[in-house]
């Protein structure tokens, strides 16, 4: 029996069974669906992309996996070199893993050990209210999701603050000598409610982190590769550690990377074995994942995806920004993300089936109806998604 994610198995409704997928469309036995959320935000190139499929097949004909313990291979070397060139600043040191949650865990482990390697005890993490950083244990702790109430009576290793500069400054004033890092989803908080905030907050965070030697971590698992309207928010404010996943492999296979700058790397680089980063996922640097990631980055650059994202944002604002209804609290648009927040979650009950019957796959949660579309979507399909959203309120 399959144990499905985020579901009460006793009461969940039967999931839609997908028989095929191509472009931005999913196919069931009785419906063709526009995927409005890119299968949890990763399918930026759409489904069954011929070049991505060819890249993974070509690598599979050579070998599908070798571990990175004592071995290496060309796809991981090429991907690491490409990311070093592709990413801003001195984000040059790539530690690969098999999911975004694990990559976040690696970043937090790096931040803690960065300090212990220098003889400093700094046990606390600063994080944001409404944060989501994954479902593994430390990621749950630094997140701010009440669904994880069962795991923590009281969170003692993390301080949560709102995205307000006075609260940020107060936190650093009170805790700076105990903080090892400040971790954020930059500009756009995903699973915490598609909350959007201003770049000035991150610029001030960078100043304070520099002042007190606190590492700044950007969790761009969801926001990376254009979702906010920027290639990476790291292009605007440079973090010490950057976490990427989801769109990294275009949804073809699970993989992620934690990328550190030189300052972080040098804290581990030593003749002393005890200062090494003791972590090693079995599937880190998987050759299939590396091959498809390389091809995905090539397509992202060659096809000028940033212009596609600007066009998606333009249509999203045109279609949705002025839409209102008494049941709607706010409509928010940023880059390739549109969110309709309602006052009462009961307002969205039944919307998923309503959308299905009209040829759109949506997955609202709590008070949020949203889209995070593949970047290859046509104007017609994008407008259809928004029409279905608006029709729900009529």
Protein backbone atom coordinates (compact mmCIF):
# COMPACT_ATOMS: atom_id res chain seq x y z
CA UNK A 1 0.00 0.00 0.00
CA UNK A 2 1.25 3.48 -0.85
CA UNK A 3 1.48 5.86 2.11
CA UNK A 4 0.77 9.24 0.48
CA UNK A 5 2.34 12.56 1.57
CA UNK A 6 0.51 15.16 3.65
CA UNK A 7 -2.67 13.08 3.81
CA UNK A 8 -4.80 11.48 6.47
CA UNK A 9 -4.89 8.08 4.82
CA UNK A 10 -8.23 7.12 6.35
CA UNK A 11 -10.12 10.07 4.86
CA UNK A 12 -8.13 11.09 1.76
CA UNK A 13 -9.89 11.17 -1.58
CA UNK A 14 -8.56 8.96 -4.35
CA UNK A 15 -5.67 10.63 -6.20
CA UNK A 16 -5.82 11.26 -9.93
CA UNK A 17 -3.94 8.52 -11.80
CA UNK A 18 -1.61 9.89 -14.48
CA UNK A 19 -1.13 7.74 -17.58
CA UNK A 20 1.06 10.10 -19.62
CA UNK A 21 2.49 13.62 -19.56
CA UNK A 22 3.88 15.93 -22.22
CA UNK A 23 4.72 19.63 -22.27
CA UNK A 24 2.59 21.26 -19.56
CA UNK A 25 -0.12 18.58 -19.75
CA UNK A 26 -0.97 15.57 -17.61
CA UNK A 27 -3.24 12.83 -18.95
CA UNK A 28 -5.66 10.66 -16.96
CA UNK A 29 -8.03 8.12 -18.49
CA UNK A 30 -10.70 10.79 -18.93
CA UNK A 31 -9.01 14.19 -18.80
CA UNK A 32 -6.19 16.31 -20.18
CA UNK A 33 -4.90 18.64 -17.45
CA UNK A 34 -2.72 21.75 -17.48
CA UNK A 35 -0.27 21.31 -14.60
CA UNK A 36 -0.51 24.65 -12.82
CA UNK A 37 2.02 23.82 -10.09
CA UNK A 38 4.83 22.08 -12.01
CA UNK A 39 4.58 18.93 -9.87
CA UNK A 40 5.58 20.70 -6.66
CA UNK A 41 7.43 23.40 -8.60
CA UNK A 42 10.14 21.34 -10.27
CA UNK A 43 8.97 20.77 -13.88
CA UNK A 44 10.15 24.08 -15.28
CA UNK A 45 10.88 22.60 -18.74
CA UNK A 46 7.60 20.67 -18.86
CA UNK A 47 7.19 16.92 -19.25
CA UNK A 48 8.89 14.64 -21.75
CA UNK A 49 11.34 17.28 -22.94
CA UNK A 50 13.23 15.54 -25.78
CA UNK A 51 16.67 16.92 -24.88
CA UNK A 52 16.37 16.10 -21.18
CA UNK A 53 15.07 12.62 -21.94
CA UNK A 54 17.96 12.05 -24.36
CA UNK A 55 20.53 13.27 -21.80
CA UNK A 56 19.37 10.84 -19.14
CA UNK A 57 19.13 7.93 -21.61
CA UNK A 58 22.61 8.62 -22.95
CA UNK A 59 24.08 8.57 -19.44
CA UNK A 60 22.11 5.43 -18.54
CA UNK A 61 23.78 3.65 -21.46
CA UNK A 62 27.15 4.38 -19.81
CA UNK A 63 26.39 3.86 -16.10
CA UNK A 64 23.59 4.92 -13.80
CA UNK A 65 25.42 5.39 -10.53
CA UNK A 66 28.73 5.26 -8.74
CA UNK A 67 29.30 6.57 -5.25
CA UNK A 68 31.46 9.66 -4.66
CA UNK A 69 33.32 7.98 -1.80
CA UNK A 70 36.75 7.35 -3.35
CA UNK A 71 35.34 7.62 -6.89
CA UNK A 72 34.33 10.42 -9.22
CA UNK A 73 32.97 10.78 -12.76
CA UNK A 74 32.67 13.26 -15.61
CA UNK A 75 28.99 14.32 -15.16
CA UNK A 76 29.52 15.43 -11.55
CA UNK A 77 32.78 17.20 -12.44
CA UNK A 78 31.11 19.02 -15.31
CA UNK A 79 28.04 20.00 -13.24
CA UNK A 80 30.18 21.30 -10.39
CA UNK A 81 32.26 23.37 -12.83
CA UNK A 82 29.10 24.67 -14.55
CA UNK A 83 27.52 25.72 -11.24
CA UNK A 84 30.74 27.50 -10.26
CA UNK A 85 30.49 29.50 -13.49
CA UNK A 86 26.68 29.89 -13.40
CA UNK A 87 26.23 31.02 -9.79
CA UNK A 88 27.18 34.48 -8.50
CA UNK A 89 30.18 35.52 -6.41
CA UNK A 90 32.41 32.85 -4.91
CA UNK A 91 29.67 30.24 -4.47
CA UNK A 92 32.11 27.66 -5.80
CA UNK A 93 31.99 24.57 -3.56
CA UNK A 94 29.25 22.05 -4.40
CA UNK A 95 28.09 19.38 -1.99
CA UNK A 96 25.47 17.21 -3.72
CA UNK A 97 22.60 15.30 -2.12
CA UNK A 98 19.39 13.60 -3.13
CA UNK A 99 16.65 16.03 -1.99
CA UNK A 100 16.07 19.61 -0.96
CA UNK A 101 15.41 18.66 2.66
CA UNK A 102 18.74 16.83 2.91
CA UNK A 103 20.54 19.73 1.21
CA UNK A 104 19.08 22.07 3.85
CA UNK A 105 20.27 19.70 6.59
CA UNK A 106 23.75 19.82 5.04
CA UNK A 107 23.70 23.63 5.04
CA UNK A 108 22.75 23.74 8.73
CA UNK A 109 25.40 21.17 9.56
CA UNK A 110 27.98 23.24 7.67
CA UNK A 111 26.99 26.38 9.58
CA UNK A 112 27.27 24.71 12.98
CA UNK A 113 30.61 23.07 12.17
CA UNK A 114 31.95 26.26 10.59
CA UNK A 115 31.85 27.66 14.10
CA UNK A 116 32.99 24.60 16.06
CA UNK A 117 35.96 24.19 13.70
CA UNK A 118 37.02 27.67 14.84
CA UNK A 119 36.53 26.90 18.53
CA UNK A 120 33.24 28.80 18.87
CA UNK A 121 30.05 27.50 20.43
CA UNK A 122 27.11 29.02 18.59
CA UNK A 123 24.10 26.72 18.96
CA UNK A 124 21.25 28.88 17.62
CA UNK A 125 19.72 29.30 14.16
CA UNK A 126 17.80 32.42 13.16
CA UNK A 127 14.89 31.72 10.81
CA UNK A 128 11.66 33.31 9.60
CA UNK A 129 8.11 32.96 10.79
CA UNK A 130 6.05 30.92 8.31
CA UNK A 131 9.25 29.27 7.05
CA UNK A 132 9.34 25.89 5.35
CA UNK A 133 12.70 24.21 4.78
CA UNK A 134 11.77 20.54 4.41
CA UNK A 135 10.49 17.55 6.33
CA UNK A 136 13.66 16.08 7.84
CA UNK A 137 14.28 16.73 11.51
CA UNK A 138 16.47 19.85 11.72
CA UNK A 139 14.67 21.27 8.69
CA UNK A 140 11.39 20.83 10.59
CA UNK A 141 12.87 22.60 13.59
CA UNK A 142 14.00 25.68 11.67
CA UNK A 143 10.70 25.71 9.80
CA UNK A 144 7.64 27.30 11.34
CA UNK A 145 4.87 24.87 10.47
CA UNK A 146 2.28 23.92 13.06
CA UNK A 147 1.81 20.55 11.33
CA UNK A 148 5.05 19.51 13.07
CA UNK A 149 3.64 20.15 16.55
CA UNK A 150 4.14 16.46 17.40
CA UNK A 151 7.93 16.75 17.10
CA UNK A 152 8.71 19.69 19.37
CA UNK A 153 7.20 20.70 22.70
CA UNK A 154 9.40 23.78 22.51
CA UNK A 155 11.96 24.70 19.89
CA UNK A 156 15.14 25.60 21.75
CA UNK A 157 17.59 25.69 18.85
CA UNK A 158 15.90 28.32 16.68
CA UNK A 159 14.66 31.90 16.88
CA UNK A 160 11.82 32.84 14.50
CA UNK A 161 11.25 36.43 13.38
CA UNK A 162 8.91 38.19 10.92
CA UNK A 163 10.24 39.69 7.68
CA UNK A 164 10.56 43.13 9.29
CA UNK A 165 13.87 44.98 9.63
CA UNK A 166 13.31 46.13 13.26
CA UNK A 167 12.69 42.50 14.33
CA UNK A 168 15.80 41.44 12.41
CA UNK A 169 17.95 44.07 14.10
CA UNK A 170 16.58 43.18 17.52
CA UNK A 171 17.34 39.48 17.01
CA UNK A 172 20.95 40.22 16.11
CA UNK A 173 21.26 42.59 19.05
CA UNK A 174 20.04 39.90 21.45
CA UNK A 175 21.52 36.70 20.01
CA UNK A 176 24.41 37.54 17.64
CA UNK A 177 27.04 35.77 19.75
CA UNK A 178 24.92 32.59 19.84
CA UNK A 179 23.83 32.48 16.19
CA UNK A 180 25.63 30.21 13.74
CA UNK A 181 23.42 31.13 10.77
CA UNK A 182 20.35 32.91 9.47
CA UNK A 183 18.39 30.73 7.00
CA UNK A 184 15.70 32.16 4.73
CA UNK A 185 13.62 31.38 1.69
CA UNK A 186 14.56 34.63 -0.06
CA UNK A 187 11.78 36.97 -1.24
CA UNK A 188 9.19 34.19 -1.58
CA UNK A 189 8.18 31.83 1.23
CA UNK A 190 6.64 28.82 -0.50
CA UNK A 191 4.81 26.22 1.58
CA UNK A 192 4.37 28.76 4.40
CA UNK A 193 1.81 30.57 2.28
CA UNK A 194 3.45 32.03 -0.84
CA UNK A 195 4.40 35.07 1.25
CA UNK A 196 6.40 37.73 -0.57
CA UNK A 197 8.66 40.35 0.99
CA UNK A 198 11.08 43.11 0.02
CA UNK A 199 14.74 42.81 -0.92
CA UNK A 200 15.65 45.53 1.62
CA UNK A 201 15.17 42.95 4.40
CA UNK A 202 17.78 40.65 2.84
CA UNK A 203 20.21 43.50 2.24
CA UNK A 204 20.05 44.42 5.92
CA UNK A 205 20.42 40.74 6.86
CA UNK A 206 23.62 40.58 4.79
CA UNK A 207 25.03 43.62 6.61
CA UNK A 208 24.26 42.16 10.04
CA UNK A 209 25.61 38.72 9.15
CA UNK A 210 28.85 40.34 7.98
CA UNK A 211 29.09 42.43 11.14
CA UNK A 212 28.70 39.46 13.50
CA UNK A 213 30.18 36.65 11.35
CA UNK A 214 26.86 34.82 11.13
CA UNK A 215 26.46 32.71 7.99
CA UNK A 216 23.61 33.70 5.67
CA UNK A 217 21.90 30.71 4.05
CA UNK A 218 19.52 31.08 1.13
CA UNK A 219 17.21 28.11 0.71
CA UNK A 220 16.43 28.53 -3.00
CA UNK A 221 15.09 25.00 -3.47
CA UNK A 222 11.77 26.57 -4.52
CA UNK A 223 12.87 30.07 -5.58
CA UNK A 224 15.94 29.17 -7.63
CA UNK A 225 16.01 29.06 -11.42
CA UNK A 226 13.78 32.07 -11.95
CA UNK A 227 10.70 31.53 -9.80
CA UNK A 228 10.88 35.00 -8.17
CA UNK A 229 11.60 36.75 -11.46
CA UNK A 230 15.33 36.63 -10.71
CA UNK A 231 17.61 33.79 -11.83
CA UNK A 232 18.47 33.39 -8.17
CA UNK A 233 17.82 35.85 -5.37
CA UNK A 234 21.52 35.24 -4.69
CA UNK A 235 22.17 37.42 -7.76
CA UNK A 236 20.80 40.37 -5.76
CA UNK A 237 22.15 39.60 -2.28
CA UNK A 238 25.00 37.11 -1.99
CA UNK A 239 24.62 34.42 0.70
CA UNK A 240 27.41 32.36 2.23
CA UNK A 241 25.58 29.11 1.45
CA UNK A 242 23.03 28.50 -1.30
CA UNK A 243 20.70 25.49 -1.42
CA UNK A 244 19.22 24.35 -4.75
CA UNK A 245 16.91 21.47 -5.66
CA UNK A 246 13.58 20.94 -7.47
CA UNK A 247 14.21 22.71 -10.81
CA UNK A 248 17.90 21.74 -10.74
CA UNK A 249 17.08 18.51 -12.58
CA UNK A 250 13.88 19.70 -14.24
CA UNK A 251 11.85 17.15 -12.29
CA UNK A 252 13.47 14.17 -14.00
CA UNK A 253 15.13 12.74 -10.90
CA UNK A 254 15.52 13.87 -7.32
CA UNK A 255 18.72 15.78 -6.63
CA UNK A 256 19.97 18.87 -4.82
CA UNK A 257 23.13 20.78 -4.03
CA UNK A 258 24.44 22.84 -1.12
CA UNK A 259 26.88 25.42 -2.47
CA UNK A 260 29.31 27.14 -0.09
CA UNK A 261 31.54 30.16 -0.54
CA UNK A 262 35.29 30.20 0.04
CA UNK A 263 35.02 31.48 3.62
CA UNK A 264 32.90 28.47 4.61
CA UNK A 265 35.02 25.97 2.68
CA UNK A 266 38.27 27.20 4.21
CA UNK A 267 36.95 26.49 7.73
CA UNK A 268 36.90 22.78 6.81
CA UNK A 269 40.06 22.67 4.65
CA UNK A 270 42.79 21.41 6.95
CA UNK A 271 45.38 18.74 7.69
CA UNK A 272 43.19 17.78 10.65
CA UNK A 273 40.70 15.02 9.71
CA UNK A 274 38.44 16.09 12.58
CA UNK A 275 37.62 19.32 10.73
CA UNK A 276 36.24 17.50 7.67
CA UNK A 277 32.52 17.63 6.82
CA UNK A 278 31.31 14.15 7.79
CA UNK A 279 28.36 13.69 5.50
CA UNK A 280 27.84 11.51 2.45
CA UNK A 281 24.48 10.64 0.88
CA UNK A 282 24.64 7.40 -1.12
CA UNK A 283 23.21 9.04 -4.24
CA UNK A 284 25.09 12.35 -4.07
CA UNK A 285 26.33 13.40 -7.50
CA UNK A 286 24.30 10.68 -9.20
CA UNK A 287 25.42 10.61 -12.87
CA UNK A 288 21.87 10.53 -14.27
CA UNK A 289 20.91 13.55 -12.16
CA UNK A 290 24.08 15.42 -13.11
CA UNK A 291 23.61 14.73 -16.82
CA UNK A 292 20.03 15.98 -16.86
CA UNK A 293 20.89 19.00 -14.68
CA UNK A 294 23.64 20.03 -17.09
CA UNK A 295 21.26 19.81 -20.03
CA UNK A 296 18.58 21.71 -18.10
CA UNK A 297 20.93 24.61 -17.33
CA UNK A 298 21.97 24.67 -21.00
CA UNK A 299 18.32 24.95 -22.06
CA UNK A 300 17.60 27.58 -19.36
CA UNK A 301 20.35 29.79 -20.79
CA UNK A 302 19.91 29.04 -24.49
CA UNK A 303 16.14 29.52 -24.52
CA UNK A 304 16.37 32.70 -22.42
CA UNK A 305 14.03 31.46 -19.71
CA UNK A 306 14.26 34.76 -17.85
CA UNK A 307 12.39 36.47 -20.70
CA UNK A 308 9.78 33.69 -20.55
CA UNK A 309 9.37 34.28 -16.81
CA UNK A 310 9.00 38.04 -17.29
CA UNK A 311 6.28 37.33 -19.85
CA UNK A 312 4.52 34.92 -17.47
CA UNK A 313 4.63 37.59 -14.73
CA UNK A 314 3.24 40.22 -17.11
CA UNK A 315 0.25 38.05 -18.06
CA UNK A 316 -0.25 36.98 -14.43
CA UNK A 317 -0.47 40.60 -13.28
CA UNK A 318 -2.72 41.51 -16.20
CA UNK A 319 -5.13 38.64 -15.44
CA UNK A 320 -5.06 38.50 -11.65
CA UNK A 321 -3.78 41.64 -9.91
CA UNK A 322 -7.08 43.52 -10.02
CA UNK A 323 -9.26 40.49 -9.40
CA UNK A 324 -11.22 40.80 -6.17
CA UNK A 325 -13.97 39.11 -4.23
CA UNK A 326 -15.14 39.59 -0.63
CA UNK A 327 -13.78 36.11 0.19
CA UNK A 328 -10.30 37.02 -1.05
CA UNK A 329 -7.81 38.56 1.37
CA UNK A 330 -5.05 39.28 -1.15
CA UNK A 331 -3.80 38.42 -4.64
CA UNK A 332 0.02 38.28 -4.89
CA UNK A 333 2.22 37.93 -7.99
CA UNK A 334 5.99 37.52 -8.15
CA UNK A 335 7.83 36.15 -11.17
CA UNK A 336 6.41 32.73 -11.96
CA UNK A 337 4.21 32.53 -8.86
CA UNK A 338 0.65 33.76 -8.38
CA UNK A 339 -1.21 33.30 -5.08
CA UNK A 340 -4.82 33.98 -4.13
CA UNK A 341 -5.14 34.06 -0.35
CA UNK A 342 -8.66 33.72 1.04
CA UNK A 343 -9.94 34.60 4.50
CA UNK A 344 -11.46 31.20 5.25
CA UNK A 345 -9.91 27.89 4.09
CA UNK A 346 -13.42 26.46 3.68
CA UNK A 347 -13.74 28.77 0.67
CA UNK A 348 -11.38 26.46 -1.24
CA UNK A 349 -13.07 23.17 -0.36
CA UNK A 350 -13.92 21.39 -3.61
CA UNK A 351 -11.76 23.66 -5.78
CA UNK A 352 -9.34 20.91 -6.82
CA UNK A 353 -12.13 18.79 -8.34
CA UNK A 354 -13.72 21.90 -9.86
CA UNK A 355 -10.42 22.68 -11.59
CA UNK A 356 -9.95 19.05 -12.67
CA UNK A 357 -13.31 19.05 -14.43
CA UNK A 358 -12.19 22.18 -16.31
CA UNK A 359 -8.85 20.76 -17.42
CA UNK A 360 -6.49 22.17 -14.78
CA UNK A 361 -4.54 20.39 -12.04
CA UNK A 362 -4.31 22.56 -8.93
CA UNK A 363 -3.45 21.70 -5.34
CA UNK A 364 -4.63 24.44 -2.97
CA UNK A 365 -3.58 24.25 0.67
CA UNK A 366 -4.90 25.97 3.78
CA UNK A 367 -5.99 29.47 2.66
CA UNK A 368 -3.97 29.47 -0.57
CA UNK A 369 -4.90 28.90 -4.20
CA UNK A 370 -1.79 29.33 -6.31
CA UNK A 371 0.04 28.65 -9.55
CA UNK A 372 3.73 27.94 -10.20
CA UNK A 373 3.61 27.03 -13.86
CA UNK A 374 6.24 25.40 -16.11
CA UNK A 375 8.10 28.13 -17.97
CA UNK A 376 7.24 26.60 -21.36
CA UNK A 377 3.52 27.25 -20.90
CA UNK A 378 1.55 28.95 -23.69
CA UNK A 379 -0.38 32.17 -23.08
CA UNK A 380 -3.61 30.28 -23.77
CA UNK A 381 -2.92 27.63 -21.12
CA UNK A 382 -1.78 30.22 -18.57
CA UNK A 383 -4.93 32.28 -19.05
CA UNK A 384 -7.02 29.12 -18.76
CA UNK A 385 -5.53 28.47 -15.31
CA UNK A 386 -6.42 31.98 -14.19
CA UNK A 387 -9.92 31.75 -15.68
CA UNK A 388 -10.56 28.59 -13.66
CA UNK A 389 -9.34 30.33 -10.50
CA UNK A 390 -11.62 33.31 -11.12
CA UNK A 391 -14.60 31.16 -12.12
CA UNK A 392 -14.48 29.47 -8.71
CA UNK A 393 -15.53 32.75 -7.11
CA UNK A 394 -18.42 33.43 -9.51
